Structure formats: C-alpha cells, structure tokens
Amino acid sequence: YTVTFNPSLDYIVDVKGFALGMTNRTASEMMFPGGK
C-alpha cells in the first residue's frame, strides 16, 4: 500500500530558450499523476 497526502498533476514542459518576462511557448508537454 502506498500513501500520498499531497498528490499532484505534473505538467512537464520543454521550453526552448526560456526567457523571464517574455511569452514562452512549449516545444513539448506531458501530464502525469504525481506524488511519491
């Protein structure tokens, strides 16, 4: 049995050349149920 108090939906994105203060667009993205 596993117990997870604080599960999450993990949104994993690849952003090429990420820049603060700018609009950034994903090159790829995945969603997984998360939490250890």
Full PDB file with SEQRES, HELIX, SHEET, SSBOND, CRYST1, ORIGX, SCALE, CONECT and MASTER records, all heavy atoms in Angstrom:
SEQRES   1 A   36  TYR THR VAL THR PHE ASN PRO SER LEU ASP TYR ILE VAL          
SEQRES   2 A   36  ASP VAL LYS GLY PHE ALA LEU GLY MET THR ASN ARG THR          
SEQRES   3 A   36  ALA SER GLU MET MET PHE PRO GLY GLY LYS                      
SHEET    1 AA1 2 SER A   8  ASP A  14  0                                        
SHEET    2 AA1 2 SER A  28  GLY A  34 -1                                        
CRYST1    1.000    1.000    1.000  90.00  90.00  90.00 P 1           1          
ORIGX1      1.000000  0.000000  0.000000        0.00000                         
ORIGX2      0.000000  1.000000  0.000000        0.00000                         
ORIGX3      0.000000  0.000000  1.000000        0.00000                         
SCALE1      1.000000  0.000000  0.000000        0.00000                         
SCALE2      0.000000  1.000000  0.000000        0.00000                         
SCALE3      0.000000  0.000000  1.000000        0.00000                         
ATOM      1  N   TYR A   1       0.857  -1.184   0.000  1.00  0.00           N  
ATOM      2  CA  TYR A   1       0.000   0.000   0.000  1.00  0.00           C  
ATOM      3  C   TYR A   1       0.898   1.241   0.000  1.00  0.00           C  
ATOM      4  O   TYR A   1       1.900   1.289   0.712  1.00  0.00           O  
ATOM      5  CB  TYR A   1      -0.893   0.031   1.242  1.00  0.00           C  
ATOM      6  CG  TYR A   1      -1.874  -1.111   1.325  1.00  0.00           C  
ATOM      7  CD1 TYR A   1      -1.489  -2.326   1.881  1.00  0.00           C  
ATOM      8  CD2 TYR A   1      -3.161  -0.983   0.850  1.00  0.00           C  
ATOM      9  CE1 TYR A   1      -2.382  -3.394   1.957  1.00  0.00           C  
ATOM     10  CE2 TYR A   1      -4.068  -2.042   0.925  1.00  0.00           C  
ATOM     11  CZ  TYR A   1      -3.663  -3.247   1.477  1.00  0.00           C  
ATOM     12  OH  TYR A   1      -4.542  -4.292   1.552  1.00  0.00           O  
ATOM     13  N   THR A   2       0.533   2.217  -0.795  1.00  0.00           N  
ATOM     14  CA  THR A   2       1.252   3.491  -0.772  1.00  0.00           C  
ATOM     15  C   THR A   2       0.286   4.586  -0.316  1.00  0.00           C  
ATOM     16  O   THR A   2      -0.902   4.548  -0.634  1.00  0.00           O  
ATOM     17  CB  THR A   2       1.823   3.859  -2.152  1.00  0.00           C  
ATOM     18  OG1 THR A   2       0.746   4.092  -3.091  1.00  0.00           O  
ATOM     19  CG2 THR A   2       2.709   2.743  -2.691  1.00  0.00           C  
ATOM     20  N   VAL A   3       0.819   5.534   0.437  1.00  0.00           N  
ATOM     21  CA  VAL A   3       0.014   6.667   0.902  1.00  0.00           C  
ATOM     22  C   VAL A   3       0.638   7.959   0.373  1.00  0.00           C  
ATOM     23  O   VAL A   3       1.839   8.184   0.522  1.00  0.00           O  
ATOM     24  CB  VAL A   3      -0.065   6.711   2.441  1.00  0.00           C  
ATOM     25  CG1 VAL A   3      -0.726   8.011   2.913  1.00  0.00           C  
ATOM     26  CG2 VAL A   3      -0.836   5.512   2.967  1.00  0.00           C  
ATOM     27  N   THR A   4      -0.194   8.784  -0.239  1.00  0.00           N  
ATOM     28  CA  THR A   4       0.247  10.088  -0.749  1.00  0.00           C  
ATOM     29  C   THR A   4      -0.700  11.159  -0.210  1.00  0.00           C  
ATOM     30  O   THR A   4      -1.871  11.198  -0.581  1.00  0.00           O  
ATOM     31  CB  THR A   4       0.259  10.111  -2.287  1.00  0.00           C  
ATOM     32  OG1 THR A   4       0.978   8.989  -2.781  1.00  0.00           O  
ATOM     33  CG2 THR A   4       0.894  11.396  -2.809  1.00  0.00           C  
ATOM     34  N   PHE A   5      -0.184  12.005   0.667  1.00  0.00           N  
ATOM     35  CA  PHE A   5      -1.014  13.051   1.253  1.00  0.00           C  
ATOM     36  C   PHE A   5      -1.245  14.207   0.283  1.00  0.00           C  
ATOM     37  O   PHE A   5      -2.282  14.858   0.327  1.00  0.00           O  
ATOM     38  CB  PHE A   5      -0.352  13.592   2.527  1.00  0.00           C  
ATOM     39  CG  PHE A   5      -0.632  12.775   3.746  1.00  0.00           C  
ATOM     40  CD1 PHE A   5       0.204  11.738   4.108  1.00  0.00           C  
ATOM     41  CD2 PHE A   5      -1.743  13.034   4.535  1.00  0.00           C  
ATOM     42  CE1 PHE A   5      -0.048  10.978   5.236  1.00  0.00           C  
ATOM     43  CE2 PHE A   5      -2.009  12.274   5.673  1.00  0.00           C  
ATOM     44  CZ  PHE A   5      -1.158  11.241   6.018  1.00  0.00           C  
ATOM     45  N   ASN A   6      -0.259  14.472  -0.561  1.00  0.00           N  
ATOM     46  CA  ASN A   6      -0.312  15.692  -1.379  1.00  0.00           C  
ATOM     47  C   ASN A   6      -0.022  15.378  -2.845  1.00  0.00           C  
ATOM     48  O   ASN A   6       0.977  15.826  -3.400  1.00  0.00           O  
ATOM     49  CB  ASN A   6       0.717  16.691  -0.831  1.00  0.00           C  
ATOM     50  CG  ASN A   6       0.333  18.132  -1.104  1.00  0.00           C  
ATOM     51  OD1 ASN A   6      -0.778  18.425  -1.540  1.00  0.00           O  
ATOM     52  ND2 ASN A   6       1.259  19.041  -0.859  1.00  0.00           N  
ATOM     53  N   PRO A   7      -0.901  14.592  -3.501  1.00  0.00           N  
ATOM     54  CA  PRO A   7      -0.653  14.230  -4.896  1.00  0.00           C  
ATOM     55  C   PRO A   7      -0.773  15.447  -5.810  1.00  0.00           C  
ATOM     56  O   PRO A   7      -1.236  16.515  -5.393  1.00  0.00           O  
ATOM     57  CB  PRO A   7      -1.744  13.207  -5.200  1.00  0.00           C  
ATOM     58  CG  PRO A   7      -2.862  13.578  -4.278  1.00  0.00           C  
ATOM     59  CD  PRO A   7      -2.193  14.067  -3.015  1.00  0.00           C  
ATOM     60  N   SER A   8      -0.363  15.266  -7.030  1.00  0.00           N  
ATOM     61  CA  SER A   8      -0.361  16.401  -7.961  1.00  0.00           C  
ATOM     62  C   SER A   8      -0.628  15.921  -9.376  1.00  0.00           C  
ATOM     63  O   SER A   8      -0.531  14.731  -9.691  1.00  0.00           O  
ATOM     64  CB  SER A   8       1.005  17.103  -7.925  1.00  0.00           C  
ATOM     65  OG  SER A   8       2.023  16.204  -8.352  1.00  0.00           O  
ATOM     66  N   LEU A   9      -0.972  16.862 -10.201  1.00  0.00           N  
ATOM     67  CA  LEU A   9      -0.955  16.657 -11.648  1.00  0.00           C  
ATOM     68  C   LEU A   9       0.308  17.353 -12.133  1.00  0.00           C  
ATOM     69  O   LEU A   9       0.439  18.575 -12.021  1.00  0.00           O  
ATOM     70  CB  LEU A   9      -2.195  17.286 -12.290  1.00  0.00           C  
ATOM     71  CG  LEU A   9      -2.396  17.003 -13.776  1.00  0.00           C  
ATOM     72  CD1 LEU A   9      -2.592  15.520 -14.036  1.00  0.00           C  
ATOM     73  CD2 LEU A   9      -3.596  17.790 -14.305  1.00  0.00           C  
ATOM     74  N   ASP A  10       1.276  16.580 -12.595  1.00  0.00           N  
ATOM     75  CA  ASP A  10       2.561  17.134 -13.014  1.00  0.00           C  
ATOM     76  C   ASP A  10       2.510  17.514 -14.489  1.00  0.00           C  
ATOM     77  O   ASP A  10       2.275  16.665 -15.357  1.00  0.00           O  
ATOM     78  CB  ASP A  10       3.687  16.115 -12.781  1.00  0.00           C  
ATOM     79  CG  ASP A  10       4.030  15.966 -11.307  1.00  0.00           C  
ATOM     80  OD1 ASP A  10       3.480  16.725 -10.494  1.00  0.00           O  
ATOM     81  OD2 ASP A  10       4.839  15.083 -10.973  1.00  0.00           O  
ATOM     82  N   TYR A  11       2.724  18.797 -14.730  1.00  0.00           N  
ATOM     83  CA  TYR A  11       2.722  19.339 -16.094  1.00  0.00           C  
ATOM     84  C   TYR A  11       4.180  19.589 -16.469  1.00  0.00           C  
ATOM     85  O   TYR A  11       4.818  20.516 -15.970  1.00  0.00           O  
ATOM     86  CB  TYR A  11       1.909  20.631 -16.119  1.00  0.00           C  
ATOM     87  CG  TYR A  11       1.802  21.322 -17.460  1.00  0.00           C  
ATOM     88  CD1 TYR A  11       1.515  20.599 -18.614  1.00  0.00           C  
ATOM     89  CD2 TYR A  11       1.964  22.695 -17.574  1.00  0.00           C  
ATOM     90  CE1 TYR A  11       1.399  21.239 -19.844  1.00  0.00           C  
ATOM     91  CE2 TYR A  11       1.852  23.341 -18.791  1.00  0.00           C  
ATOM     92  CZ  TYR A  11       1.569  22.604 -19.923  1.00  0.00           C  
ATOM     93  OH  TYR A  11       1.465  23.241 -21.132  1.00  0.00           O  
ATOM     94  N   ILE A  12       4.700  18.704 -17.308  1.00  0.00           N  
ATOM     95  CA  ILE A  12       6.120  18.735 -17.662  1.00  0.00           C  
ATOM     96  C   ILE A  12       6.267  19.323 -19.056  1.00  0.00           C  
ATOM     97  O   ILE A  12       5.710  18.792 -20.032  1.00  0.00           O  
ATOM     98  CB  ILE A  12       6.721  17.320 -17.617  1.00  0.00           C  
ATOM     99  CG1 ILE A  12       6.511  16.721 -16.218  1.00  0.00           C  
ATOM    100  CG2 ILE A  12       8.208  17.352 -17.954  1.00  0.00           C  
ATOM    101  CD1 ILE A  12       6.879  15.269 -16.104  1.00  0.00           C  
ATOM    102  N   VAL A  13       6.996  20.436 -19.163  1.00  0.00           N  
ATOM    103  CA  VAL A  13       7.095  21.142 -20.438  1.00  0.00           C  
ATOM    104  C   VAL A  13       8.555  21.364 -20.827  1.00  0.00           C  
ATOM    105  O   VAL A  13       9.431  21.535 -19.982  1.00  0.00           O  
ATOM    106  CB  VAL A  13       6.363  22.506 -20.388  1.00  0.00           C  
ATOM    107  CG1 VAL A  13       4.876  22.306 -20.178  1.00  0.00           C  
ATOM    108  CG2 VAL A  13       6.928  23.401 -19.303  1.00  0.00           C  
ATOM    109  N   ASP A  14       8.781  21.339 -22.116  1.00  0.00           N  
ATOM    110  CA  ASP A  14      10.087  21.674 -22.690  1.00  0.00           C  
ATOM    111  C   ASP A  14       9.936  23.043 -23.353  1.00  0.00           C  
ATOM    112  O   ASP A  14       9.143  23.205 -24.284  1.00  0.00           O  
ATOM    113  CB  ASP A  14      10.484  20.608 -23.712  1.00  0.00           C  
ATOM    114  CG  ASP A  14      11.833  20.898 -24.360  1.00  0.00           C  
ATOM    115  OD1 ASP A  14      12.531  21.820 -23.896  1.00  0.00           O  
ATOM    116  OD2 ASP A  14      12.181  20.203 -25.328  1.00  0.00           O  
ATOM    117  N   VAL A  15      10.656  24.030 -22.843  1.00  0.00           N  
ATOM    118  CA  VAL A  15      10.581  25.395 -23.382  1.00  0.00           C  
ATOM    119  C   VAL A  15      11.980  25.778 -23.851  1.00  0.00           C  
ATOM    120  O   VAL A  15      12.895  25.971 -23.055  1.00  0.00           O  
ATOM    121  CB  VAL A  15      10.093  26.391 -22.308  1.00  0.00           C  
ATOM    122  CG1 VAL A  15      10.007  27.795 -22.900  1.00  0.00           C  
ATOM    123  CG2 VAL A  15       8.740  25.961 -21.751  1.00  0.00           C  
ATOM    124  N   LYS A  16      12.155  25.855 -25.153  1.00  0.00           N  
ATOM    125  CA  LYS A  16      13.461  26.195 -25.713  1.00  0.00           C  
ATOM    126  C   LYS A  16      13.758  27.673 -25.484  1.00  0.00           C  
ATOM    127  O   LYS A  16      12.929  28.546 -25.743  1.00  0.00           O  
ATOM    128  CB  LYS A  16      13.493  25.898 -27.220  1.00  0.00           C  
ATOM    129  CG  LYS A  16      13.100  24.470 -27.601  1.00  0.00           C  
ATOM    130  CD  LYS A  16      14.052  23.439 -27.033  1.00  0.00           C  
ATOM    131  CE  LYS A  16      13.707  22.030 -27.535  1.00  0.00           C  
ATOM    132  NZ  LYS A  16      14.522  20.988 -26.909  1.00  0.00           N  
ATOM    133  N   GLY A  17      14.936  27.965 -24.980  1.00  0.00           N  
ATOM    134  CA  GLY A  17      15.337  29.356 -24.787  1.00  0.00           C  
ATOM    135  C   GLY A  17      14.438  30.115 -23.846  1.00  0.00           C  
ATOM    136  O   GLY A  17      14.077  31.275 -24.105  1.00  0.00           O  
ATOM    137  N   PHE A  18      14.072  29.510 -22.732  1.00  0.00           N  
ATOM    138  CA  PHE A  18      13.164  30.150 -21.772  1.00  0.00           C  
ATOM    139  C   PHE A  18      13.705  31.525 -21.354  1.00  0.00           C  
ATOM    140  O   PHE A  18      14.875  31.681 -21.013  1.00  0.00           O  
ATOM    141  CB  PHE A  18      13.004  29.270 -20.538  1.00  0.00           C  
ATOM    142  CG  PHE A  18      12.130  29.874 -19.481  1.00  0.00           C  
ATOM    143  CD1 PHE A  18      10.756  29.795 -19.568  1.00  0.00           C  
ATOM    144  CD2 PHE A  18      12.691  30.536 -18.397  1.00  0.00           C  
ATOM    145  CE1 PHE A  18       9.948  30.357 -18.588  1.00  0.00           C  
ATOM    146  CE2 PHE A  18      11.889  31.094 -17.407  1.00  0.00           C  
ATOM    147  CZ  PHE A  18      10.515  31.008 -17.510  1.00  0.00           C  
ATOM    148  N   ALA A  19      12.834  32.530 -21.392  1.00  0.00           N  
ATOM    149  CA  ALA A  19      13.241  33.900 -21.051  1.00  0.00           C  
ATOM    150  C   ALA A  19      12.258  34.494 -20.052  1.00  0.00           C  
ATOM    151  O   ALA A  19      11.043  34.482 -20.274  1.00  0.00           O  
ATOM    152  CB  ALA A  19      13.301  34.763 -22.308  1.00  0.00           C  
ATOM    153  N   LEU A  20      12.785  35.023 -18.943  1.00  0.00           N  
ATOM    154  CA  LEU A  20      11.948  35.685 -17.950  1.00  0.00           C  
ATOM    155  C   LEU A  20      11.336  36.950 -18.532  1.00  0.00           C  
ATOM    156  O   LEU A  20      11.974  37.673 -19.298  1.00  0.00           O  
ATOM    157  CB  LEU A  20      12.779  36.035 -16.716  1.00  0.00           C  
ATOM    158  CG  LEU A  20      13.242  34.864 -15.847  1.00  0.00           C  
ATOM    159  CD1 LEU A  20      14.217  35.368 -14.789  1.00  0.00           C  
ATOM    160  CD2 LEU A  20      12.049  34.187 -15.183  1.00  0.00           C  
ATOM    161  N   GLY A  21      10.095  37.239 -18.171  1.00  0.00           N  
ATOM    162  CA  GLY A  21       9.433  38.454 -18.603  1.00  0.00           C  
ATOM    163  C   GLY A  21       8.939  38.420 -20.035  1.00  0.00           C  
ATOM    164  O   GLY A  21       8.467  39.444 -20.548  1.00  0.00           O  
ATOM    165  N   MET A  22       9.022  37.270 -20.693  1.00  0.00           N  
ATOM    166  CA  MET A  22       8.602  37.130 -22.082  1.00  0.00           C  
ATOM    167  C   MET A  22       7.558  36.026 -22.198  1.00  0.00           C  
ATOM    168  O   MET A  22       7.405  35.188 -21.294  1.00  0.00           O  
ATOM    169  CB  MET A  22       9.807  36.785 -22.970  1.00  0.00           C  
ATOM    170  CG  MET A  22      10.954  37.763 -22.885  1.00  0.00           C  
ATOM    171  SD  MET A  22      10.555  39.380 -23.580  1.00  0.00           S  
ATOM    172  CE  MET A  22      10.472  38.964 -25.319  1.00  0.00           C  
ATOM    173  N   THR A  23       6.828  36.032 -23.314  1.00  0.00           N  
ATOM    174  CA  THR A  23       5.921  34.927 -23.598  1.00  0.00           C  
ATOM    175  C   THR A  23       6.734  33.750 -24.126  1.00  0.00           C  
ATOM    176  O   THR A  23       7.458  33.875 -25.116  1.00  0.00           O  
ATOM    177  CB  THR A  23       4.865  35.326 -24.644  1.00  0.00           C  
ATOM    178  OG1 THR A  23       4.068  36.400 -24.126  1.00  0.00           O  
ATOM    179  CG2 THR A  23       3.961  34.148 -24.980  1.00  0.00           C  
ATOM    180  N   ASN A  24       6.639  32.628 -23.438  1.00  0.00           N  
ATOM    181  CA  ASN A  24       7.371  31.423 -23.832  1.00  0.00           C  
ATOM    182  C   ASN A  24       6.382  30.363 -24.300  1.00  0.00           C  
ATOM    183  O   ASN A  24       5.294  30.226 -23.729  1.00  0.00           O  
ATOM    184  CB  ASN A  24       8.173  30.876 -22.649  1.00  0.00           C  
ATOM    185  CG  ASN A  24       9.262  31.831 -22.186  1.00  0.00           C  
ATOM    186  OD1 ASN A  24      10.364  31.810 -22.692  1.00  0.00           O  
ATOM    187  ND2 ASN A  24       8.932  32.671 -21.205  1.00  0.00           N  
ATOM    188  N   ARG A  25       6.769  29.610 -25.318  1.00  0.00           N  
ATOM    189  CA  ARG A  25       5.896  28.564 -25.857  1.00  0.00           C  
ATOM    190  C   ARG A  25       6.564  27.204 -25.717  1.00  0.00           C  
ATOM    191  O   ARG A  25       7.781  27.087 -25.847  1.00  0.00           O  
ATOM    192  CB  ARG A  25       5.544  28.843 -27.316  1.00  0.00           C  
ATOM    193  CG  ARG A  25       4.861  30.200 -27.502  1.00  0.00           C  
ATOM    194  CD  ARG A  25       4.295  30.396 -28.899  1.00  0.00           C  
ATOM    195  NE  ARG A  25       3.752  31.735 -29.046  1.00  0.00           N  
ATOM    196  CZ  ARG A  25       2.556  32.115 -28.626  1.00  0.00           C  
ATOM    197  NH1 ARG A  25       1.758  31.241 -28.009  1.00  0.00           N  
ATOM    198  NH2 ARG A  25       2.127  33.357 -28.797  1.00  0.00           N  
ATOM    199  N   THR A  26       5.742  26.212 -25.441  1.00  0.00           N  
ATOM    200  CA  THR A  26       6.285  24.874 -25.221  1.00  0.00           C  
ATOM    201  C   THR A  26       6.643  24.202 -26.543  1.00  0.00           C  
ATOM    202  O   THR A  26       5.935  24.342 -27.543  1.00  0.00           O  
ATOM    203  CB  THR A  26       5.277  23.993 -24.475  1.00  0.00           C  
ATOM    204  OG1 THR A  26       4.089  23.855 -25.255  1.00  0.00           O  
ATOM    205  CG2 THR A  26       4.927  24.602 -23.127  1.00  0.00           C  
ATOM    206  N   ALA A  27       7.751  23.453 -26.506  1.00  0.00           N  
ATOM    207  CA  ALA A  27       8.120  22.608 -27.639  1.00  0.00           C  
ATOM    208  C   ALA A  27       7.519  21.216 -27.488  1.00  0.00           C  
ATOM    209  O   ALA A  27       7.267  20.521 -28.480  1.00  0.00           O  
ATOM    210  CB  ALA A  27       9.645  22.506 -27.741  1.00  0.00           C  
ATOM    211  N   SER A  28       7.306  20.802 -26.242  1.00  0.00           N  
ATOM    212  CA  SER A  28       6.618  19.542 -25.948  1.00  0.00           C  
ATOM    213  C   SER A  28       6.041  19.642 -24.551  1.00  0.00           C  
ATOM    214  O   SER A  28       6.485  20.463 -23.737  1.00  0.00           O  
ATOM    215  CB  SER A  28       7.579  18.355 -26.047  1.00  0.00           C  
ATOM    216  OG  SER A  28       8.572  18.427 -25.030  1.00  0.00           O  
ATOM    217  N   GLU A  29       5.047  18.813 -24.268  1.00  0.00           N  
ATOM    218  CA  GLU A  29       4.430  18.834 -22.958  1.00  0.00           C  
ATOM    219  C   GLU A  29       3.813  17.473 -22.640  1.00  0.00           C  
ATOM    220  O   GLU A  29       3.376  16.751 -23.531  1.00  0.00           O  
ATOM    221  CB  GLU A  29       3.372  19.944 -22.855  1.00  0.00           C  
ATOM    222  CG  GLU A  29       2.311  19.898 -23.932  1.00  0.00           C  
ATOM    223  CD  GLU A  29       1.424  21.141 -23.926  1.00  0.00           C  
ATOM    224  OE1 GLU A  29       1.853  22.178 -23.407  1.00  0.00           O  
ATOM    225  OE2 GLU A  29       0.306  21.046 -24.435  1.00  0.00           O  
ATOM    226  N   MET A  30       3.831  17.126 -21.341  1.00  0.00           N  
ATOM    227  CA  MET A  30       3.247  15.873 -20.869  1.00  0.00           C  
ATOM    228  C   MET A  30       2.554  16.145 -19.543  1.00  0.00           C  
ATOM    229  O   MET A  30       2.925  17.065 -18.818  1.00  0.00           O  
ATOM    230  CB  MET A  30       4.334  14.813 -20.664  1.00  0.00           C  
ATOM    231  CG  MET A  30       5.090  14.413 -21.917  1.00  0.00           C  
ATOM    232  SD  MET A  30       6.388  13.198 -21.585  1.00  0.00           S  
ATOM    233  CE  MET A  30       7.565  14.227 -20.691  1.00  0.00           C  
ATOM    234  N   MET A  31       1.546  15.329 -19.243  1.00  0.00           N  
ATOM    235  CA  MET A  31       0.854  15.412 -17.954  1.00  0.00           C  
ATOM    236  C   MET A  31       0.820  14.035 -17.314  1.00  0.00           C  
ATOM    237  O   MET A  31       0.451  13.053 -17.965  1.00  0.00           O  
ATOM    238  CB  MET A  31      -0.573  15.937 -18.125  1.00  0.00           C  
ATOM    239  CG  MET A  31      -0.681  17.435 -18.247  1.00  0.00           C  
ATOM    240  SD  MET A  31      -2.387  17.977 -18.071  1.00  0.00           S  
ATOM    241  CE  MET A  31      -2.180  19.743 -18.300  1.00  0.00           C  
ATOM    242  N   PHE A  32       1.212  13.975 -16.039  1.00  0.00           N  
ATOM    243  CA  PHE A  32       1.228  12.716 -15.312  1.00  0.00           C  
ATOM    244  C   PHE A  32       0.639  12.913 -13.926  1.00  0.00           C  
ATOM    245  O   PHE A  32       0.769  13.991 -13.340  1.00  0.00           O  
ATOM    246  CB  PHE A  32       2.670  12.203 -15.127  1.00  0.00           C  
ATOM    247  CG  PHE A  32       3.412  11.954 -16.400  1.00  0.00           C  
ATOM    248  CD1 PHE A  32       4.544  12.688 -16.702  1.00  0.00           C  
ATOM    249  CD2 PHE A  32       2.984  10.982 -17.282  1.00  0.00           C  
ATOM    250  CE1 PHE A  32       5.247  12.462 -17.867  1.00  0.00           C  
ATOM    251  CE2 PHE A  32       3.678  10.746 -18.458  1.00  0.00           C  
ATOM    252  CZ  PHE A  32       4.812  11.471 -18.752  1.00  0.00           C  
ATOM    253  N   PRO A  33       0.022  11.875 -13.356  1.00  0.00           N  
ATOM    254  CA  PRO A  33      -0.302  11.933 -11.930  1.00  0.00           C  
ATOM    255  C   PRO A  33       0.999  11.879 -11.143  1.00  0.00           C  
ATOM    256  O   PRO A  33       1.867  11.042 -11.421  1.00  0.00           O  
ATOM    257  CB  PRO A  33      -1.154  10.673 -11.704  1.00  0.00           C  
ATOM    258  CG  PRO A  33      -0.784   9.750 -12.818  1.00  0.00           C  
ATOM    259  CD  PRO A  33      -0.393  10.607 -13.981  1.00  0.00           C  
ATOM    260  N   GLY A  34       1.184  12.782 -10.204  1.00  0.00           N  
ATOM    261  CA  GLY A  34       2.437  12.869  -9.469  1.00  0.00           C  
ATOM    262  C   GLY A  34       2.229  12.741  -7.971  1.00  0.00           C  
ATOM    263  O   GLY A  34       1.107  12.731  -7.461  1.00  0.00           O  
ATOM    264  N   GLY A  35       3.330  12.680  -7.267  1.00  0.00           N  
ATOM    265  CA  GLY A  35       3.318  12.426  -5.836  1.00  0.00           C  
ATOM    266  C   GLY A  35       4.063  11.130  -5.607  1.00  0.00           C  
ATOM    267  O   GLY A  35       3.879  10.148  -6.341  1.00  0.00           O  
ATOM    268  N   LYS A  36       4.937  11.095  -4.603  1.00  0.00           N  
ATOM    269  CA  LYS A  36       5.883   9.996  -4.474  1.00  0.00           C  
ATOM    270  C   LYS A  36       5.208   8.634  -4.314  1.00  0.00           C  
ATOM    271  O   LYS A  36       5.609   7.647  -4.926  1.00  0.00           O  
ATOM    272  CB  LYS A  36       6.847  10.274  -3.323  1.00  0.00           C  
ATOM    273  CG  LYS A  36       7.718  11.517  -3.557  1.00  0.00           C  
ATOM    274  CD  LYS A  36       8.658  11.791  -2.412  1.00  0.00           C  
ATOM    275  CE  LYS A  36       9.856  10.895  -2.418  1.00  0.00           C  
ATOM    276  NZ  LYS A  36      10.723  11.064  -3.582  1.00  0.00           N  
TER     277      LYS A  36                                                      
MASTER        0    0    0    0    2    0    0    6  276    1    0    3          
END                                                                             
